[in-house]
Amino acid sequence: MTGCRPGDMYDAVLVGSGHKNLVAGVLLARAGWKIAVLERAEEPGGAVKTAELTLPGFRHDVFSTFHFLILLSPFYREMRHELSKYGLEYLHFAVPTASMFPDGSCLCLHRDLQLTLASLERSSPEDARAWEKLYALYGKVGDNLVHVLGSPAPSLGTMAGVLGARLRLGPRGTMELAHMMTLSARDFAAYYFHTTQAQAWFVPWALHLDHSPETAGGGGISWLFLGMAQDPRAGVAIPAGGSGRLVEALVALLRSLGGEIHTATRVTKILVRGKTARGVQLADGTTILARRAVVACLTPTQLFLDLVGSAHLPGEFAERVGKYRYGISALRLELALAKAPAWAAGEEIRQAGVIHVAPSVDHMSLAYNQALRGYLPEEPLLVVGHPTSIDSTRAPQGKHILWVMARSVPYRVIGDAAGEIGSASWDDIKERYADRVIRILDRYAPGLAKSVIGRCMLSPVDLERMNPNLAHGDVGAGSAHLDQTYGLRPLPGWSRYVTPIRRLFITGAATHPGAGVSGNSGYIVANILLR
């Protein structure tokens, strides 16, 4: 540890340097608070990092890979010019998202709505009209829903967002929206879209969280995410040079405001006196004091059970924390390629930021349920990105990178649905499963397997080792099913970032509005502290 001295006093000590905590730190430092951010890893950023995972010169995003939530966030709208001064530049994909199918066809959502409708219309004019109607609804209430995501839940802010939607839609329209938001992704897709391909194009966004096609509420998530992807103010974008550029800009901005960031600094205890957080203790025994607040960007189990301790917590609260549920796992495969993928679906797909590979909703459902029961899916939903299609700085000249997320896979493997790999630890089987993923992709991009010159497979266990917030390989830091989302996240009655310990606050993906690069919970906590 460098910089901090035993007994140092700050206005706020921030535990963890995830981007949401960095957002909070920037706003507090701008208001004149003395801030220290303490990070156990060697580099700041939490789940937003870029590194040479495969070969020298190939810059891969270690966790977070694409951004669109932050582009609509109040923090980014307020601070984008300051961030740009420190090198943050977003590059937008002409096709934010697309789905590929085994017959070589694809469905694409373009930034241009008319091109999206044309893509859907090729297979079904009815499906094109359905999306036109659904996006028109997003146009009416999208800002209200985005406002809900950027406000404490519950609060006057979220009430204002809901009331604004009701005023725009009227009583009947509001009830229809509520009906939509509770549908599973499968039921939503079947309700609005006629073809199996359009349904398979719609459903995968629910699985970016831990929803299956049949989970209640997943349909509303898919609709909202697709609406944001279509929204010209957002779309799907990546920071030029890698996701880590967002963190670099936040760190530089924070330091310019007088804030301190200390890496390789592990907090082992929240210091509690008289039911109030007074600071933190480090692994070497050093104590760092906080005059006004301790803000932890951690999962509830880490914060309350490991750092606070159940002795300082109400018994019922500690019991609820112990039952906090993590979602189904994911894995990441990073590929260094000698040449760009030759997608069988053609030129349109080459412009896509987020590509989904799954033949049908049934395939996604089967794979999810295989993973839920501990089996390696025979053919998981693959979420694929090709950053070098718009950012050549991420690989040597003429070379490319590809990232692949398999959604969903088991955390503990008891067998293989395909009967090929068997039961073993992820450390023993991950390379064999990576071979399977590459074989699947090779069907959609013939020759891809031969163009792989380097790869890095990150199993659910690897993800957890690299970042404890990704517990069980859950990239959302906790299930986002209806019982653990909105005003119920992370726990019923504790959704407004406060805790049973005075002056101790929690941010991060485990809090409302959940996973994704938005900065929202940090923005909200900072504004609560500055009132």
Protein backbone atom coordinates (compact mmCIF):
# COMPACT_ATOMS: atom_id res chain seq x y z
CA MET A 1 0.00 0.00 0.00
CA THR A 2 1.27 3.49 -0.79
CA GLY A 3 -0.05 6.91 0.14
CA CYS A 4 -2.34 6.05 3.10
CA ARG A 5 -1.00 6.26 6.62
CA PRO A 6 -2.46 4.62 9.73
CA GLY A 7 -5.22 6.78 11.14
CA ASP A 8 -5.62 8.91 7.99
CA MET A 9 -9.01 10.64 8.00
CA TYR A 10 -11.12 11.12 4.88
CA ASP A 11 -14.61 12.43 4.38
CA ALA A 12 -15.46 9.18 2.58
CA VAL A 13 -13.63 5.90 2.12
CA LEU A 14 -14.75 3.97 -0.96
CA VAL A 15 -14.15 0.22 -0.84
CA GLY A 16 -13.66 -1.16 -4.34
CA SER A 17 -12.90 0.71 -7.56
CA GLY A 18 -15.70 -0.57 -9.74
CA HIS A 19 -16.83 2.12 -12.16
CA LYS A 20 -19.92 2.85 -10.06
CA ASN A 21 -17.77 3.67 -7.03
CA LEU A 22 -15.48 5.79 -9.20
CA VAL A 23 -18.54 7.74 -10.35
CA ALA A 24 -19.48 8.35 -6.71
CA GLY A 25 -15.92 9.38 -5.93
CA VAL A 26 -15.81 11.90 -8.78
CA LEU A 27 -19.02 13.60 -7.68
CA LEU A 28 -18.02 13.70 -4.02
CA ALA A 29 -14.53 15.00 -4.79
CA ARG A 30 -16.00 17.66 -7.06
CA ALA A 31 -18.08 18.82 -4.06
CA GLY A 32 -14.93 19.23 -2.00
CA TRP A 33 -14.93 15.94 -0.07
CA LYS A 34 -11.61 14.31 0.74
CA ILE A 35 -11.88 10.89 -0.92
CA ALA A 36 -9.88 7.66 -0.80
CA VAL A 37 -10.70 4.68 -3.05
CA LEU A 38 -9.24 1.39 -1.82
CA GLU A 39 -8.89 -1.46 -4.33
CA ARG A 40 -7.64 -4.97 -3.57
CA ALA A 41 -6.54 -5.65 -7.17
CA GLU A 42 -3.38 -4.34 -8.82
CA GLU A 43 -5.42 -2.13 -11.15
CA PRO A 44 -8.63 -0.13 -10.65
CA GLY A 45 -11.83 -0.80 -12.54
CA GLY A 46 -13.56 -3.85 -11.09
CA ALA A 47 -15.37 -5.52 -14.00
CA VAL A 48 -14.37 -2.82 -16.51
CA LYS A 49 -10.82 -3.60 -17.63
CA THR A 50 -8.79 -4.13 -20.79
CA ALA A 51 -5.72 -6.37 -20.97
CA GLU A 52 -3.56 -8.42 -23.34
CA LEU A 53 -5.11 -11.76 -22.44
CA THR A 54 -3.98 -13.77 -25.46
CA LEU A 55 -0.96 -12.33 -27.31
CA PRO A 56 1.04 -9.08 -27.17
CA GLY A 57 -0.78 -6.27 -28.94
CA PHE A 58 -4.22 -7.89 -28.70
CA ARG A 59 -6.27 -5.80 -26.26
CA HIS A 60 -9.25 -7.69 -24.85
CA ASP A 61 -11.95 -6.43 -22.51
CA VAL A 62 -11.63 -8.70 -19.50
CA PHE A 63 -15.26 -8.46 -18.36
CA SER A 64 -17.48 -5.61 -19.60
CA THR A 65 -17.43 -5.43 -23.38
CA PHE A 66 -20.07 -3.04 -24.72
CA HIS A 67 -21.78 0.04 -23.34
CA PHE A 68 -25.17 1.55 -23.92
CA LEU A 69 -26.72 2.11 -20.51
CA ILE A 70 -24.14 4.74 -19.56
CA LEU A 71 -24.86 6.79 -22.68
CA LEU A 72 -28.36 7.48 -21.33
CA SER A 73 -27.26 7.92 -17.71
CA PRO A 74 -27.48 11.24 -15.83
CA PHE A 75 -23.80 11.01 -14.88
CA TYR A 76 -22.60 10.71 -18.47
CA ARG A 77 -24.88 13.47 -19.67
CA GLU A 78 -23.46 15.69 -16.94
CA MET A 79 -19.77 14.73 -17.21
CA ARG A 80 -19.19 13.59 -20.78
CA HIS A 81 -17.14 16.63 -21.75
CA GLU A 82 -14.88 16.29 -18.70
CA LEU A 83 -14.41 12.57 -19.45
CA SER A 84 -13.57 13.29 -23.08
CA LYS A 85 -10.74 15.56 -21.89
CA TYR A 86 -9.16 12.45 -20.38
CA GLY A 87 -9.41 10.37 -23.55
CA LEU A 88 -12.85 8.73 -23.39
CA GLU A 89 -14.29 8.41 -26.90
CA TYR A 90 -17.19 6.14 -27.78
CA LEU A 91 -17.41 4.34 -31.13
CA HIS A 92 -20.88 3.25 -32.27
CA PHE A 93 -21.76 0.16 -34.25
CA ALA A 94 -23.97 0.76 -37.27
CA VAL A 95 -25.79 -2.45 -36.31
CA PRO A 96 -26.10 -2.45 -32.51
CA THR A 97 -27.27 -6.06 -32.31
CA ALA A 98 -28.10 -9.00 -34.55
CA SER A 99 -28.94 -12.69 -34.48
CA MET A 100 -27.48 -15.32 -36.82
CA PHE A 101 -29.16 -18.58 -37.77
CA PRO A 102 -27.88 -21.94 -39.07
CA ASP A 103 -29.26 -21.40 -42.58
CA GLY A 104 -26.96 -18.39 -43.08
CA SER A 105 -29.66 -15.78 -42.52
CA CYS A 106 -29.68 -13.03 -39.92
CA LEU A 107 -31.93 -10.40 -38.36
CA CYS A 108 -30.34 -7.06 -37.56
CA LEU A 109 -31.26 -4.08 -35.45
CA HIS A 110 -29.72 -1.04 -37.13
CA ARG A 111 -29.26 2.41 -35.65
CA ASP A 112 -31.57 3.51 -38.46
CA LEU A 113 -35.09 2.32 -37.60
CA GLN A 114 -36.07 1.96 -41.25
CA LEU A 115 -33.15 -0.41 -41.87
CA THR A 116 -34.20 -2.45 -38.83
CA LEU A 117 -37.71 -2.73 -40.23
CA ALA A 118 -36.32 -3.73 -43.62
CA SER A 119 -34.27 -6.52 -42.00
CA LEU A 120 -37.33 -7.87 -40.18
CA GLU A 121 -39.55 -7.45 -43.21
CA ARG A 122 -37.43 -9.78 -45.32
CA SER A 123 -38.91 -12.72 -43.44
CA SER A 124 -42.14 -11.24 -42.09
CA PRO A 125 -43.88 -7.90 -42.72
CA GLU A 126 -45.94 -8.62 -39.59
CA ASP A 127 -42.78 -8.80 -37.48
CA ALA A 128 -41.56 -5.49 -38.89
CA ARG A 129 -44.85 -3.85 -37.94
CA ALA A 130 -44.64 -5.41 -34.48
CA TRP A 131 -41.22 -3.89 -33.81
CA GLU A 132 -42.33 -0.54 -35.23
CA LYS A 133 -45.20 -0.55 -32.72
CA LEU A 134 -42.99 -1.70 -29.83
CA TYR A 135 -40.35 0.92 -30.55
CA ALA A 136 -43.02 3.62 -30.80
CA LEU A 137 -44.05 2.64 -27.27
CA TYR A 138 -40.42 2.90 -26.16
CA GLY A 139 -40.35 6.36 -27.72
CA LYS A 140 -43.28 7.39 -25.53
CA VAL A 141 -42.07 6.01 -22.20
CA GLY A 142 -38.38 5.20 -22.66
CA ASP A 143 -37.22 8.40 -20.95
CA ASN A 144 -39.53 7.69 -18.03
CA LEU A 145 -38.13 4.18 -17.62
CA VAL A 146 -34.54 5.43 -17.96
CA HIS A 147 -35.38 7.95 -15.22
CA VAL A 148 -36.49 5.06 -13.01
CA LEU A 149 -33.12 3.36 -13.58
CA GLY A 150 -31.32 6.53 -12.49
CA SER A 151 -33.33 7.12 -9.29
CA PRO A 152 -33.47 5.34 -5.93
CA ALA A 153 -36.15 2.67 -5.78
CA PRO A 154 -38.58 3.46 -4.31
CA SER A 155 -38.38 7.25 -4.30
CA LEU A 156 -40.11 10.35 -5.58
CA GLY A 157 -37.86 10.01 -8.63
CA THR A 158 -39.12 6.55 -9.51
CA MET A 159 -42.68 7.63 -8.76
CA ALA A 160 -42.21 10.55 -11.14
CA GLY A 161 -40.98 8.18 -13.84
CA VAL A 162 -43.95 5.87 -13.38
CA LEU A 163 -46.40 8.78 -13.22
CA GLY A 164 -44.90 10.28 -16.37
CA ALA A 165 -45.46 7.00 -18.20
CA ARG A 166 -49.06 6.87 -16.97
CA LEU A 167 -49.76 10.43 -18.13
CA ARG A 168 -48.41 9.56 -21.57
CA LEU A 169 -50.27 6.27 -21.91
CA GLY A 170 -53.46 6.76 -19.94
CA PRO A 171 -54.98 4.17 -17.56
CA ARG A 172 -55.50 1.43 -20.14
CA GLY A 173 -52.12 1.94 -21.79
CA THR A 174 -50.42 1.87 -18.39
CA MET A 175 -51.97 -1.48 -17.58
CA GLU A 176 -50.90 -2.81 -20.98
CA LEU A 177 -47.34 -1.68 -20.25
CA ALA A 178 -47.46 -3.36 -16.84
CA HIS A 179 -48.64 -6.55 -18.55
CA MET A 180 -45.72 -6.37 -20.99
CA MET A 181 -43.17 -5.85 -18.24
CA THR A 182 -44.23 -8.99 -16.37
CA LEU A 183 -44.22 -11.34 -19.38
CA SER A 184 -41.46 -13.87 -19.84
CA ALA A 185 -39.27 -13.30 -22.89
CA ARG A 186 -40.77 -16.37 -24.57
CA ASP A 187 -44.35 -15.25 -23.97
CA PHE A 188 -43.59 -11.67 -24.98
CA ALA A 189 -41.95 -12.79 -28.21
CA ALA A 190 -44.79 -15.17 -29.05
CA TYR A 191 -47.35 -12.46 -28.29
CA TYR A 192 -45.85 -9.91 -30.69
CA PHE A 193 -43.76 -11.77 -33.28
CA HIS A 194 -44.91 -14.35 -35.83
CA THR A 195 -41.72 -16.09 -36.97
CA THR A 196 -39.42 -18.27 -34.88
CA GLN A 197 -36.45 -16.22 -36.11
CA ALA A 198 -37.88 -12.90 -34.89
CA GLN A 199 -38.67 -14.53 -31.58
CA ALA A 200 -35.09 -15.83 -31.33
CA TRP A 201 -33.88 -12.30 -32.20
CA PHE A 202 -35.91 -10.78 -29.34
CA VAL A 203 -35.40 -13.26 -26.49
CA PRO A 204 -31.58 -13.33 -25.92
CA TRP A 205 -31.41 -9.92 -24.26
CA ALA A 206 -33.26 -11.31 -21.23
CA LEU A 207 -30.47 -13.88 -20.87
CA HIS A 208 -27.87 -11.10 -20.57
CA LEU A 209 -29.16 -11.07 -17.03
CA ASP A 210 -29.91 -14.45 -15.48
CA HIS A 211 -33.37 -14.91 -16.97
CA SER A 212 -34.38 -18.02 -18.86
CA PRO A 213 -36.80 -17.58 -21.76
CA GLU A 214 -39.56 -18.58 -19.32
CA THR A 215 -38.69 -16.29 -16.35
CA ALA A 216 -41.35 -13.70 -15.49
CA GLY A 217 -40.22 -10.19 -16.31
CA GLY A 218 -37.66 -11.21 -18.92
CA GLY A 219 -39.80 -9.93 -21.77
CA GLY A 220 -39.82 -6.41 -20.39
CA ILE A 221 -36.03 -6.52 -20.07
CA SER A 222 -35.57 -7.64 -23.69
CA TRP A 223 -37.94 -4.92 -24.93
CA LEU A 224 -36.23 -2.17 -22.91
CA PHE A 225 -32.70 -3.25 -23.91
CA LEU A 226 -33.63 -3.49 -27.58
CA GLY A 227 -35.32 -0.10 -27.34
CA MET A 228 -32.13 1.41 -25.92
CA ALA A 229 -30.10 -0.28 -28.65
CA GLN A 230 -32.42 1.28 -31.26
CA ASP A 231 -32.36 4.67 -29.49
CA PRO A 232 -30.08 7.00 -31.51
CA ARG A 233 -28.83 8.56 -28.26
CA ALA A 234 -27.50 5.19 -27.09
CA GLY A 235 -27.17 2.29 -29.51
CA VAL A 236 -24.32 -0.09 -28.72
CA ALA A 237 -20.92 1.54 -28.33
CA ILE A 238 -17.41 0.69 -27.17
CA PRO A 239 -14.70 3.01 -25.84
CA ALA A 240 -11.94 3.52 -28.39
CA GLY A 241 -8.98 1.50 -27.16
CA GLY A 242 -10.96 -0.75 -24.83
CA SER A 243 -13.50 -0.65 -22.02
CA GLY A 244 -10.67 0.18 -19.65
CA ARG A 245 -10.54 3.67 -21.17
CA LEU A 246 -13.72 4.51 -19.24
CA VAL A 247 -11.94 3.63 -15.98
CA GLU A 248 -8.79 5.50 -17.02
CA ALA A 249 -10.85 8.63 -17.66
CA LEU A 250 -12.73 8.30 -14.35
CA VAL A 251 -9.48 7.75 -12.44
CA ALA A 252 -7.79 10.74 -14.08
CA LEU A 253 -10.81 12.94 -13.43
CA LEU A 254 -11.02 11.83 -9.80
CA ARG A 255 -7.34 12.52 -9.21
CA SER A 256 -7.63 15.93 -10.86
CA LEU A 257 -10.27 16.74 -8.23
CA GLY A 258 -7.99 15.70 -5.39
CA GLY A 259 -9.27 12.16 -4.90
CA GLU A 260 -6.89 9.33 -4.03
CA ILE A 261 -6.87 5.77 -5.41
CA HIS A 262 -4.86 3.06 -3.69
CA THR A 263 -4.53 -0.31 -5.44
CA ALA A 264 -3.23 -3.59 -4.00
CA THR A 265 -4.96 -2.43 -0.81
CA ARG A 266 -7.26 -5.07 0.65
CA VAL A 267 -9.92 -4.06 3.15
CA THR A 268 -10.57 -6.82 5.69
CA LYS A 269 -12.99 -5.10 8.07
CA ILE A 270 -15.47 -2.26 8.26
CA LEU A 271 -14.81 -0.50 11.56
CA VAL A 272 -18.12 -0.22 13.41
CA ARG A 273 -18.52 1.75 16.62
CA GLY A 274 -21.95 2.46 18.12
CA LYS A 275 -23.69 0.98 15.06
CA THR A 276 -21.88 3.54 12.89
CA ALA A 277 -19.19 2.94 10.25
CA ARG A 278 -16.07 4.82 11.33
CA GLY A 279 -13.65 3.60 8.68
CA VAL A 280 -11.92 0.43 7.53
CA GLN A 281 -9.11 -1.88 8.53
CA LEU A 282 -6.64 -3.18 5.93
CA ALA A 283 -5.01 -6.58 5.65
CA ASP A 284 -1.81 -5.25 7.23
CA GLY A 285 -3.74 -3.91 10.23
CA THR A 286 -3.73 -0.27 9.12
CA THR A 287 -6.91 1.67 9.96
CA ILE A 288 -8.28 4.32 7.60
CA LEU A 289 -10.96 6.57 9.08
CA ALA A 290 -14.05 8.05 7.42
CA ARG A 291 -15.65 11.22 8.76
CA ARG A 292 -18.90 11.04 6.78
CA ALA A 293 -19.31 7.73 4.93
CA VAL A 294 -17.93 4.36 3.89
CA VAL A 295 -19.20 3.37 0.43
CA ALA A 296 -18.69 -0.26 -0.61
CA CYS A 297 -18.96 -1.46 -4.20
CA LEU A 298 -19.34 -5.10 -3.17
CA THR A 299 -21.85 -7.90 -3.11
CA PRO A 300 -24.02 -8.08 0.04
CA THR A 301 -22.43 -11.33 1.17
CA GLN A 302 -18.91 -9.89 0.97
CA LEU A 303 -19.82 -6.61 2.63
CA PHE A 304 -22.04 -7.77 5.45
CA LEU A 305 -20.86 -11.29 6.25
CA ASP A 306 -17.14 -10.88 5.56
CA LEU A 307 -16.33 -7.22 6.32
CA VAL A 308 -19.00 -6.09 8.79
CA GLY A 309 -19.75 -9.36 10.57
CA SER A 310 -23.10 -10.69 11.72
CA ALA A 311 -22.45 -9.53 15.29
CA HIS A 312 -23.05 -5.93 14.15
CA LEU A 313 -26.21 -6.75 12.18
CA PRO A 314 -29.83 -7.43 13.10
CA GLY A 315 -30.37 -11.19 13.08
CA GLU A 316 -33.10 -11.16 10.44
CA PHE A 317 -31.01 -8.94 8.17
CA ALA A 318 -27.96 -11.22 8.43
CA GLU A 319 -30.17 -14.21 7.68
CA ARG A 320 -31.52 -12.52 4.54
CA VAL A 321 -28.01 -11.68 3.40
CA GLY A 322 -27.06 -15.33 3.81
CA LYS A 323 -29.90 -16.25 1.45
CA TYR A 324 -28.97 -13.67 -1.20
CA ARG A 325 -29.18 -15.57 -4.48
CA TYR A 326 -26.63 -15.49 -7.26
CA GLY A 327 -27.72 -16.07 -10.82
CA ILE A 328 -26.71 -18.68 -13.33
CA SER A 329 -23.08 -18.59 -14.45
CA ALA A 330 -21.42 -17.43 -17.65
CA LEU A 331 -18.03 -17.96 -19.23
CA ARG A 332 -15.82 -15.83 -21.46
CA LEU A 333 -13.66 -16.88 -24.38
CA GLU A 334 -11.27 -14.33 -25.87
CA LEU A 335 -9.84 -15.06 -29.32
CA ALA A 336 -6.94 -13.54 -31.20
CA LEU A 337 -7.52 -13.99 -34.94
CA ALA A 338 -5.22 -13.89 -37.93
CA LYS A 339 -8.05 -12.43 -40.00
CA ALA A 340 -11.58 -11.12 -39.63
CA PRO A 341 -14.39 -13.68 -39.30
CA ALA A 342 -16.09 -14.51 -42.61
CA TRP A 343 -19.67 -14.66 -41.34
CA ALA A 344 -21.91 -16.78 -43.54
CA ALA A 345 -24.68 -14.24 -42.89
CA GLY A 346 -22.80 -11.66 -44.95
CA GLU A 347 -21.80 -8.02 -44.79
CA GLU A 348 -24.70 -6.83 -42.63
CA ILE A 349 -23.58 -8.96 -39.69
CA ARG A 350 -20.02 -7.62 -39.92
CA GLN A 351 -21.32 -4.25 -38.71
CA ALA A 352 -22.91 -5.70 -35.55
CA GLY A 353 -21.79 -4.88 -32.03
CA VAL A 354 -23.53 -7.69 -30.17
CA ILE A 355 -24.27 -10.90 -32.09
CA HIS A 356 -26.45 -13.67 -30.69
CA VAL A 357 -25.92 -17.23 -31.89
CA ALA A 358 -28.84 -19.51 -31.06
CA PRO A 359 -31.06 -21.33 -33.57
CA SER A 360 -34.31 -20.85 -31.64
CA VAL A 361 -35.95 -19.98 -28.34
CA ASP A 362 -36.24 -23.70 -27.63
CA HIS A 363 -32.46 -24.08 -27.98
CA MET A 364 -31.93 -21.25 -25.48
CA SER A 365 -34.44 -22.74 -23.06
CA LEU A 366 -32.90 -26.21 -23.27
CA ALA A 367 -29.38 -24.90 -22.73
CA TYR A 368 -30.46 -22.79 -19.75
CA ASN A 369 -32.17 -25.74 -18.11
CA GLN A 370 -29.21 -28.03 -18.77
CA ALA A 371 -26.93 -25.50 -17.06
CA LEU A 372 -29.38 -24.99 -14.19
CA ARG A 373 -29.15 -28.72 -13.47
CA GLY A 374 -25.36 -28.80 -13.55
CA TYR A 375 -24.81 -30.01 -17.12
CA LEU A 376 -22.61 -28.41 -19.74
CA PRO A 377 -25.05 -27.29 -22.46
CA GLU A 378 -24.64 -29.05 -25.75
CA GLU A 379 -25.19 -25.75 -27.55
CA PRO A 380 -25.37 -22.70 -25.27
CA LEU A 381 -26.51 -19.25 -26.31
CA LEU A 382 -23.37 -17.51 -27.56
CA VAL A 383 -23.07 -13.74 -27.28
CA VAL A 384 -20.33 -12.56 -29.62
CA GLY A 385 -18.56 -9.28 -30.26
CA HIS A 386 -16.01 -8.20 -32.85
CA PRO A 387 -14.51 -4.91 -31.55
CA THR A 388 -11.80 -4.66 -34.19
CA SER A 389 -14.47 -4.24 -36.87
CA ILE A 390 -14.65 -0.58 -35.76
CA ASP A 391 -11.55 -0.19 -33.54
CA SER A 392 -8.33 -1.29 -35.22
CA THR A 393 -6.25 -0.15 -32.23
CA ARG A 394 -7.16 -3.29 -30.30
CA ALA A 395 -5.01 -5.66 -32.39
CA PRO A 396 -1.85 -5.53 -34.54
CA GLN A 397 -2.36 -4.38 -38.11
CA GLY A 398 -4.48 -6.81 -40.10
CA LYS A 399 -5.30 -8.92 -37.04
CA HIS A 400 -8.55 -9.11 -35.07
CA ILE A 401 -10.06 -10.05 -31.74
CA LEU A 402 -13.36 -11.70 -30.94
CA TRP A 403 -15.03 -12.07 -27.56
CA VAL A 404 -17.56 -14.79 -26.80
CA MET A 405 -19.80 -15.21 -23.77
CA ALA A 406 -21.59 -18.51 -23.25
CA ARG A 407 -24.87 -17.78 -21.52
CA SER A 408 -25.61 -19.92 -19.52
CA VAL A 409 -23.34 -22.59 -18.01
CA PRO A 410 -23.18 -24.39 -14.63
CA TYR A 411 -20.92 -23.24 -11.80
CA ARG A 412 -20.45 -26.80 -10.56
CA VAL A 413 -20.37 -29.34 -13.39
CA ILE A 414 -21.97 -32.72 -12.79
CA GLY A 415 -21.98 -33.83 -16.41
CA ASP A 416 -22.14 -32.93 -20.10
CA ALA A 417 -25.45 -32.81 -21.97
CA ALA A 418 -23.58 -33.92 -25.10
CA GLY A 419 -22.00 -36.89 -23.31
CA GLU A 420 -18.49 -35.93 -24.44
CA ILE A 421 -16.75 -34.28 -21.49
CA GLY A 422 -18.18 -35.77 -18.31
CA SER A 423 -17.96 -34.46 -14.77
CA ALA A 424 -14.82 -32.63 -13.64
CA SER A 425 -13.65 -29.30 -12.31
CA TRP A 426 -13.70 -26.30 -14.65
CA ASP A 427 -9.91 -26.13 -14.46
CA ASP A 428 -9.76 -29.61 -16.01
CA ILE A 429 -12.42 -29.20 -18.70
CA LYS A 430 -12.52 -25.56 -19.74
CA GLU A 431 -10.26 -25.94 -22.77
CA ARG A 432 -12.34 -28.84 -24.09
CA TYR A 433 -15.47 -26.76 -23.70
CA ALA A 434 -13.73 -23.87 -25.46
CA ASP A 435 -13.16 -26.25 -28.37
CA ARG A 436 -16.91 -26.86 -28.48
CA VAL A 437 -17.69 -23.15 -28.53
CA ILE A 438 -15.24 -22.60 -31.38
CA ARG A 439 -16.72 -25.51 -33.34
CA ILE A 440 -20.17 -23.94 -33.02
CA LEU A 441 -18.87 -20.56 -34.21
CA ASP A 442 -17.06 -22.20 -37.11
CA ARG A 443 -20.44 -23.27 -38.50
CA TYR A 444 -21.47 -19.61 -38.68
CA ALA A 445 -18.07 -18.31 -39.83
CA PRO A 446 -16.40 -21.09 -41.85
CA GLY A 447 -12.65 -21.06 -41.36
CA LEU A 448 -12.75 -19.21 -38.06
CA ALA A 449 -11.24 -22.11 -36.10
CA LYS A 450 -8.17 -22.14 -38.37
CA SER A 451 -7.70 -18.38 -37.95
CA VAL A 452 -7.38 -18.58 -34.14
CA ILE A 453 -3.80 -17.74 -33.19
CA GLY A 454 -4.38 -17.24 -29.47
CA ARG A 455 -7.13 -17.76 -26.95
CA CYS A 456 -7.98 -17.25 -23.30
CA MET A 457 -10.80 -19.20 -21.69
CA LEU A 458 -12.29 -17.77 -18.49
CA SER A 459 -14.57 -20.26 -16.77
CA PRO A 460 -17.12 -19.23 -14.11
CA VAL A 461 -14.52 -20.21 -11.50
CA ASP A 462 -11.88 -18.04 -13.21
CA LEU A 463 -14.25 -15.07 -13.27
CA GLU A 464 -14.88 -15.44 -9.54
CA ARG A 465 -11.15 -15.74 -8.80
CA MET A 466 -10.38 -12.62 -10.80
CA ASN A 467 -13.19 -10.56 -9.28
CA PRO A 468 -15.02 -11.70 -6.12
CA ASN A 469 -18.02 -9.57 -7.12
CA LEU A 470 -18.59 -12.12 -9.91
CA ALA A 471 -19.53 -14.74 -7.33
CA HIS A 472 -20.29 -18.16 -8.84
CA GLY A 473 -19.41 -16.70 -12.23
CA ASP A 474 -22.56 -14.56 -12.11
CA VAL A 475 -21.71 -11.48 -14.17
CA GLY A 476 -24.68 -9.64 -12.64
CA ALA A 477 -23.47 -9.93 -9.00
CA GLY A 478 -26.78 -11.48 -8.01
CA SER A 479 -29.90 -12.85 -9.63
CA ALA A 480 -32.10 -10.22 -11.28
CA HIS A 481 -35.35 -12.17 -11.10
CA LEU A 482 -38.37 -10.17 -9.95
CA ASP A 483 -37.78 -10.99 -6.28
CA GLN A 484 -34.31 -9.43 -6.43
CA THR A 485 -34.73 -6.41 -8.65
CA TYR A 486 -35.99 -2.81 -8.65
CA GLY A 487 -37.17 -1.95 -5.12
CA LEU A 488 -36.26 -5.44 -3.88
CA ARG A 489 -32.56 -5.23 -4.77
CA PRO A 490 -30.45 -6.32 -3.00
CA LEU A 491 -32.89 -7.10 -0.16
CA PRO A 492 -36.51 -6.19 0.62
CA GLY A 493 -36.56 -2.98 2.60
CA TRP A 494 -32.90 -2.20 1.85
CA SER A 495 -32.99 -1.01 -1.76
CA ARG A 496 -31.96 2.62 -1.20
CA TYR A 497 -28.21 1.97 -0.72
CA VAL A 498 -28.36 2.45 3.07
CA THR A 499 -27.57 -0.37 5.48
CA PRO A 500 -28.29 -1.21 9.14
CA ILE A 501 -24.93 0.44 9.89
CA ARG A 502 -25.12 4.23 9.88
CA ARG A 503 -22.82 5.94 7.36
CA LEU A 504 -22.26 2.64 5.52
CA PHE A 505 -23.59 2.62 1.96
CA ILE A 506 -23.55 -0.03 -0.77
CA THR A 507 -23.24 0.47 -4.53
CA GLY A 508 -22.53 -1.75 -7.51
CA ALA A 509 -24.34 -4.31 -9.63
CA ALA A 510 -25.93 -5.89 -6.55
CA THR A 511 -27.96 -2.69 -6.04
CA HIS A 512 -30.66 -1.00 -8.15
CA PRO A 513 -30.64 -0.78 -11.16
CA GLY A 514 -28.38 -3.84 -11.32
CA ALA A 515 -25.77 -5.02 -13.77
CA GLY A 516 -24.37 -3.13 -16.72
CA VAL A 517 -22.11 -0.15 -17.30
CA SER A 518 -24.34 2.72 -16.23
CA GLY A 519 -22.70 4.34 -13.22
CA ASN A 520 -26.20 4.87 -11.85
CA SER A 521 -25.91 3.50 -8.32
CA GLY A 522 -22.73 5.50 -7.71
CA TYR A 523 -24.40 8.62 -9.06
CA ILE A 524 -27.41 8.10 -6.81
CA VAL A 525 -25.36 7.41 -3.66
CA ALA A 526 -23.22 10.50 -4.23
CA ASN A 527 -26.31 12.65 -4.55
CA ILE A 528 -27.81 11.14 -1.39
CA LEU A 529 -24.63 12.00 0.52
CA LEU A 530 -24.50 15.53 -0.89
CA ARG A 531 -28.04 16.49 0.09
